[in-house]
Amino acid sequence: MKRESLVSINDFSKEEIIDLLEKAKGFEANPNRRVLEGKVIATLFFEPSTRTRLSFETAVNRLGGRIIGFSDAATTSSSKGESLKDTIMMVSNYVDLIIMRHYLEGAARYASEVSSVPIINAGDGANQHPSQTMLDLYSIYKTQGTLENLNITMVGDLKYGRTVHSLLQAMSHFHPTFHFVAPDELKMPQEYKTFCDEHGIPYYEHTEFSEEVINEADILYMTRVQRERFTDLMEYEKVKNVYILHNSMLRNSKPNLRVLHPLPRVNEIAYDVDNNPKAYYFQQAKNGLYARQAIICKVLGIDAD
């Protein structure tokens, strides 16, 4: 296997995605393998993270590798004005792989062009979050038994939500139907709707979060309205609680429906949903460990089998 960066989910073909899902299944059965013995991995998080950083670091530890890096850019030389290029070129001297989250769109692609080691994009602004997409796909596959011909409803911040952008592109291989539920201020950007048109993917836009829409869904993908993406806090206050999922709203939903959320949640899923068997967001987060183990091995060219 060759070494390669993962910047966008579009870097992987349909066949590679399916292979990664099989690899994730293998890691779920046996997550503790010493295949990274002697490897050093850097986690560079220029933007706050809990689940993504901890699951990547757990993945490395369970695979026998070592971790260096930072979770607060204020403690690094970037606070002194060091450029991203210089940071990446310096760190790539020390490690075998860089896992990076950055607040600027395109930062991961730029890093992959200047780095001497592979880069895994752990989220770049409102652009892409490919490792989240792989754990989302794995969660969908586990709960539905297939990725084909599913009805996927995405709710909330579809403008800045990098998780829904990546998932939309990844699902294009599997003949989905999308429902986009968002206020006008947070609608799915035109470029992603054009992507659907070009790939023959049907989609429907809604501003009302109705039970009728929920009842058609196989996957209900809730998202947080992201305060950190707003320059005008008045706009944020206007839309932050526009859609809230309550348990009663799931009463007539499909038996196979699963509620996903990339987390953290704020108010968009009420706590009374947590005990519903259709709530899957905490298991979804757990699946991130196995998906990220598969990704790490792929980009390093390691066959864990």
Protein backbone atom coordinates (compact mmCIF):
# COMPACT_ATOMS: atom_id res chain seq x y z
CA MET A 1 0.00 0.00 0.00
CA LYS A 2 1.27 3.49 -0.81
CA ARG A 3 1.41 6.42 1.60
CA GLU A 4 -1.11 9.15 0.85
CA SER A 5 -2.81 12.10 2.53
CA LEU A 6 -6.51 12.28 3.30
CA VAL A 7 -7.69 15.85 2.78
CA SER A 8 -11.14 15.33 1.28
CA ILE A 9 -13.46 12.35 1.20
CA ASN A 10 -13.23 12.73 -2.58
CA ASP A 11 -9.63 11.49 -2.30
CA PHE A 12 -11.13 8.01 -1.84
CA SER A 13 -12.93 6.03 -4.52
CA LYS A 14 -16.07 4.01 -3.82
CA GLU A 15 -13.96 0.87 -3.67
CA GLU A 16 -11.56 2.44 -1.17
CA ILE A 17 -14.46 3.61 1.00
CA ILE A 18 -15.95 0.10 1.07
CA ASP A 19 -12.53 -1.38 1.86
CA LEU A 20 -12.10 1.09 4.74
CA LEU A 21 -15.48 0.10 6.14
CA GLU A 22 -14.39 -3.55 6.13
CA LYS A 23 -11.14 -2.56 7.82
CA ALA A 24 -13.08 -0.61 10.46
CA LYS A 25 -15.19 -3.71 11.11
CA GLY A 26 -11.99 -5.67 11.68
CA PHE A 27 -10.67 -3.07 14.11
CA GLU A 28 -13.94 -3.13 16.03
CA ALA A 29 -13.45 -6.87 16.50
CA ASN A 30 -9.80 -6.38 17.50
CA PRO A 31 -8.73 -2.77 18.16
CA ASN A 32 -5.44 -3.57 19.90
CA ARG A 33 -2.74 -4.24 17.31
CA ARG A 34 0.90 -3.14 17.49
CA VAL A 35 1.20 -2.19 13.83
CA LEU A 36 2.43 1.37 14.58
CA GLU A 37 5.34 0.23 16.74
CA GLY A 38 8.16 2.75 16.22
CA LYS A 39 5.88 5.32 14.54
CA VAL A 40 5.39 8.87 15.86
CA ILE A 41 2.17 10.71 15.00
CA ALA A 42 1.57 14.45 15.45
CA THR A 43 -1.87 15.84 16.28
CA LEU A 44 -1.93 19.56 15.45
CA PHE A 45 -5.24 21.06 16.53
CA PHE A 46 -5.42 24.78 15.72
CA GLU A 47 -9.13 24.62 16.61
CA PRO A 48 -10.75 23.05 19.71
CA SER A 49 -11.82 19.41 19.60
CA THR A 50 -12.80 16.67 22.00
CA ARG A 51 -14.05 13.58 20.17
CA THR A 52 -11.90 13.89 17.06
CA ARG A 53 -8.63 14.50 18.88
CA LEU A 54 -9.20 11.92 21.60
CA SER A 55 -10.38 9.22 19.20
CA PHE A 56 -7.39 9.78 16.90
CA GLU A 57 -5.02 9.66 19.86
CA THR A 58 -6.72 6.54 21.22
CA ALA A 59 -6.47 4.96 17.78
CA VAL A 60 -2.73 5.61 17.67
CA ASN A 61 -2.22 4.32 21.22
CA ARG A 62 -4.18 1.13 20.57
CA LEU A 63 -2.10 0.56 17.43
CA GLY A 64 1.15 0.92 19.39
CA GLY A 65 2.28 4.32 18.10
CA ARG A 66 3.35 7.44 19.96
CA ILE A 67 1.69 10.86 19.98
CA ILE A 68 3.14 14.37 20.01
CA GLY A 69 1.39 17.63 19.26
CA PHE A 70 -0.87 20.29 20.72
CA SER A 71 -4.55 20.97 21.32
CA ASP A 72 -4.20 24.74 21.77
CA ALA A 73 -2.42 26.77 19.10
CA ALA A 74 -1.95 29.59 21.59
CA THR A 75 0.79 27.52 23.22
CA THR A 76 2.74 27.18 19.95
CA SER A 77 4.93 29.41 17.81
CA SER A 78 1.94 30.21 15.60
CA SER A 79 0.98 32.64 18.38
CA LYS A 80 4.30 34.39 17.62
CA GLY A 81 3.40 34.69 13.94
CA GLU A 82 4.94 31.48 12.59
CA SER A 83 3.31 30.55 9.28
CA LEU A 84 1.39 27.33 8.73
CA LYS A 85 3.97 26.33 6.12
CA ASP A 86 6.85 26.66 8.57
CA THR A 87 4.97 24.79 11.29
CA ILE A 88 4.14 21.88 8.97
CA MET A 89 7.63 21.67 7.48
CA MET A 90 9.17 21.72 10.95
CA VAL A 91 6.85 19.09 12.46
CA SER A 92 7.15 16.81 9.42
CA ASN A 93 10.86 16.48 10.28
CA TYR A 94 9.92 14.66 13.48
CA VAL A 95 6.99 12.39 12.64
CA ASP A 96 5.56 9.80 10.27
CA LEU A 97 2.08 11.32 10.01
CA ILE A 98 0.35 14.63 10.83
CA ILE A 99 -3.30 14.78 11.88
CA MET A 100 -4.44 18.40 11.64
CA ARG A 101 -7.53 20.45 12.43
CA HIS A 102 -7.55 24.08 11.31
CA TYR A 103 -10.08 26.90 11.28
CA LEU A 104 -9.27 27.95 7.68
CA GLU A 105 -10.83 26.22 4.69
CA GLY A 106 -8.15 24.76 2.45
CA ALA A 107 -5.51 24.63 5.21
CA ALA A 108 -5.30 20.84 5.09
CA ARG A 109 -4.82 20.79 1.31
CA TYR A 110 -2.06 23.39 1.60
CA ALA A 111 -0.40 21.42 4.41
CA SER A 112 -0.43 18.26 2.29
CA GLU A 113 1.39 20.14 -0.48
CA VAL A 114 4.26 21.33 1.75
CA SER A 115 4.56 18.35 4.11
CA SER A 116 7.06 15.54 3.60
CA VAL A 117 4.73 13.11 5.46
CA PRO A 118 1.03 12.30 4.95
CA ILE A 119 -1.64 14.65 6.31
CA ILE A 120 -5.03 13.60 7.67
CA ASN A 121 -7.55 16.42 7.64
CA ALA A 122 -9.37 16.43 10.98
CA GLY A 123 -11.55 19.34 9.84
CA ASP A 124 -10.74 22.56 7.96
CA GLY A 125 -13.17 25.37 8.65
CA ALA A 126 -16.57 24.81 7.04
CA ASN A 127 -15.03 22.74 4.26
CA GLN A 128 -14.38 19.03 4.92
CA HIS A 129 -14.18 16.49 7.75
CA PRO A 130 -13.37 13.19 6.01
CA SER A 131 -12.61 11.05 9.07
CA GLN A 132 -15.98 12.03 10.55
CA THR A 133 -17.52 11.01 7.24
CA MET A 134 -15.94 7.55 7.45
CA LEU A 135 -17.32 6.97 10.93
CA ASP A 136 -20.71 8.29 9.74
CA LEU A 137 -20.66 5.85 6.83
CA TYR A 138 -19.65 3.02 9.14
CA SER A 139 -22.49 3.94 11.51
CA ILE A 140 -24.99 4.04 8.66
CA TYR A 141 -23.75 0.73 7.29
CA LYS A 142 -23.92 -0.95 10.71
CA THR A 143 -27.45 0.26 11.45
CA GLN A 144 -29.00 -0.11 7.99
CA GLY A 145 -27.09 -3.12 6.65
CA THR A 146 -26.40 -1.18 3.45
CA LEU A 147 -25.40 2.23 2.11
CA GLU A 148 -27.55 1.92 -0.99
CA ASN A 149 -30.79 3.79 -1.75
CA LEU A 150 -31.23 5.44 1.64
CA ASN A 151 -33.33 8.47 2.50
CA ILE A 152 -31.09 10.85 4.47
CA THR A 153 -32.45 13.96 6.17
CA MET A 154 -29.91 16.59 7.23
CA VAL A 155 -31.08 19.17 9.75
CA GLY A 156 -29.70 22.46 11.06
CA ASP A 157 -26.51 24.19 10.00
CA LEU A 158 -26.07 23.01 6.43
CA LYS A 159 -24.16 26.14 5.36
CA TYR A 160 -21.15 25.83 7.65
CA GLY A 161 -21.51 22.16 8.63
CA ARG A 162 -18.44 20.46 7.17
CA THR A 163 -19.72 17.05 8.31
CA VAL A 164 -22.81 17.24 6.10
CA HIS A 165 -20.77 18.51 3.16
CA SER A 166 -18.40 15.56 3.34
CA LEU A 167 -21.19 13.04 3.95
CA LEU A 168 -23.17 14.31 0.97
CA GLN A 169 -20.20 13.78 -1.33
CA ALA A 170 -19.37 10.35 0.06
CA MET A 171 -22.95 9.11 -0.24
CA SER A 172 -23.02 10.09 -3.91
CA HIS A 173 -21.64 6.62 -4.69
CA PHE A 174 -24.69 4.92 -3.17
CA HIS A 175 -27.84 6.43 -4.77
CA PRO A 176 -29.26 8.38 -1.81
CA THR A 177 -32.19 10.76 -1.59
CA PHE A 178 -31.52 13.85 0.53
CA HIS A 179 -33.83 16.12 2.46
CA PHE A 180 -32.21 19.38 3.59
CA VAL A 181 -33.92 21.05 6.55
CA ALA A 182 -32.50 24.49 7.33
CA PRO A 183 -33.49 28.13 7.76
CA ASP A 184 -32.73 30.37 4.80
CA GLU A 185 -29.63 31.70 6.58
CA LEU A 186 -28.13 28.20 6.87
CA LYS A 187 -29.23 26.50 3.66
CA MET A 188 -27.06 23.94 1.91
CA PRO A 189 -24.60 25.94 -0.24
CA GLN A 190 -25.31 26.01 -3.95
CA GLU A 191 -22.10 24.18 -4.83
CA TYR A 192 -23.32 21.05 -3.02
CA LYS A 193 -26.75 21.25 -4.62
CA THR A 194 -25.02 21.56 -7.99
CA PHE A 195 -22.97 18.49 -7.05
CA CYS A 196 -26.23 16.60 -6.46
CA ASP A 197 -27.62 17.76 -9.80
CA GLU A 198 -24.47 16.68 -11.63
CA HIS A 199 -24.59 13.23 -10.02
CA GLY A 200 -28.33 12.68 -10.50
CA ILE A 201 -29.04 12.74 -6.75
CA PRO A 202 -32.58 13.84 -5.83
CA TYR A 203 -32.85 16.36 -3.00
CA TYR A 204 -35.61 18.38 -1.38
CA GLU A 205 -35.28 21.55 0.69
CA HIS A 206 -37.44 22.38 3.71
CA THR A 207 -37.55 25.19 6.23
CA GLU A 208 -40.01 23.37 8.51
CA PHE A 209 -38.77 20.47 10.64
CA SER A 210 -41.95 18.43 10.41
CA GLU A 211 -42.83 14.90 11.46
CA GLU A 212 -43.73 14.22 7.82
CA VAL A 213 -40.09 14.77 6.86
CA ILE A 214 -38.84 12.72 9.82
CA ASN A 215 -41.18 9.83 8.99
CA GLU A 216 -39.65 9.41 5.52
CA ALA A 217 -36.07 9.20 6.79
CA ASP A 218 -33.79 6.21 7.23
CA ILE A 219 -31.11 8.46 8.70
CA LEU A 220 -31.85 11.69 10.56
CA TYR A 221 -28.58 13.66 10.71
CA MET A 222 -28.84 16.48 13.23
CA THR A 223 -26.25 19.27 13.40
CA ARG A 224 -25.33 22.02 15.82
CA VAL A 225 -25.66 25.64 14.77
CA GLN A 226 -22.01 26.61 15.12
CA ARG A 227 -21.54 29.87 16.97
CA GLU A 228 -17.85 29.97 16.04
CA ARG A 229 -18.70 30.29 12.32
CA PHE A 230 -20.77 33.47 12.77
CA THR A 231 -19.27 36.93 12.53
CA ASP A 232 -22.62 38.49 13.50
CA LEU A 233 -23.79 37.11 16.86
CA MET A 234 -27.26 38.58 16.29
CA GLU A 235 -27.62 36.23 13.33
CA TYR A 236 -26.52 33.33 15.54
CA GLU A 237 -29.06 34.19 18.23
CA LYS A 238 -31.76 34.28 15.58
CA VAL A 239 -31.20 30.70 14.38
CA LYS A 240 -29.47 28.84 17.24
CA ASN A 241 -32.60 27.03 18.53
CA VAL A 242 -34.60 26.94 15.33
CA TYR A 243 -34.88 23.11 15.24
CA ILE A 244 -35.05 20.88 18.31
CA LEU A 245 -35.71 17.14 18.08
CA HIS A 246 -37.94 15.78 20.85
CA ASN A 247 -38.66 12.13 21.52
CA SER A 248 -42.37 12.56 20.70
CA MET A 249 -41.42 13.59 17.16
CA LEU A 250 -40.08 10.07 16.50
CA ARG A 251 -43.27 8.20 17.40
CA ASN A 252 -44.29 7.43 13.78
CA SER A 253 -40.80 7.19 12.29
CA LYS A 254 -39.50 4.14 10.46
CA PRO A 255 -38.39 1.19 12.62
CA ASN A 256 -34.93 1.35 11.02
CA LEU A 257 -34.51 5.11 11.58
CA ARG A 258 -31.34 6.12 13.39
CA VAL A 259 -30.59 9.60 14.69
CA LEU A 260 -26.99 10.69 14.10
CA HIS A 261 -25.14 13.78 15.27
CA PRO A 262 -21.41 14.61 14.92
CA LEU A 263 -21.47 16.13 18.45
CA PRO A 264 -21.16 18.19 20.51
CA ARG A 265 -24.85 18.90 20.79
CA VAL A 266 -26.20 22.04 22.37
CA ASN A 267 -30.02 22.23 22.27
CA GLU A 268 -30.85 20.58 18.95
CA ILE A 269 -31.55 17.12 20.44
CA ALA A 270 -33.56 17.05 23.66
CA TYR A 271 -32.30 14.75 26.40
CA ASP A 272 -35.52 12.72 26.24
CA VAL A 273 -34.32 11.33 22.90
CA ASP A 274 -31.26 9.68 24.48
CA ASN A 275 -33.11 6.60 25.73
CA ASN A 276 -34.89 6.02 22.44
CA PRO A 277 -33.34 2.98 20.68
CA LYS A 278 -33.28 5.04 17.50
CA ALA A 279 -30.76 7.45 19.07
CA TYR A 280 -27.33 6.39 17.83
CA TYR A 281 -25.06 9.41 18.29
CA PHE A 282 -23.02 8.08 21.21
CA GLN A 283 -22.42 4.75 19.45
CA GLN A 284 -21.59 6.79 16.35
CA ALA A 285 -18.83 8.58 18.29
CA LYS A 286 -17.48 5.21 19.48
CA ASN A 287 -17.32 4.04 15.86
CA GLY A 288 -14.88 6.89 15.26
CA LEU A 289 -12.10 4.91 16.94
CA TYR A 290 -12.37 2.03 14.47
CA ALA A 291 -12.83 4.22 11.39
CA ARG A 292 -9.80 6.31 12.33
CA GLN A 293 -7.67 3.24 12.96
CA ALA A 294 -8.50 2.12 9.41
CA ILE A 295 -7.67 5.57 7.99
CA ILE A 296 -4.34 5.83 9.81
CA CYS A 297 -3.22 2.45 8.49
CA LYS A 298 -4.32 3.33 4.97
CA VAL A 299 -2.49 6.64 4.75
CA LEU A 300 0.67 5.06 6.18
CA GLY A 301 0.48 2.15 3.75
CA ILE A 302 0.18 -0.43 6.54
CA ASP A 303 -1.82 -3.61 6.04
CA ALA A 304 -3.04 -4.36 9.56
CA ASP A 305 -4.14 -7.84 8.47
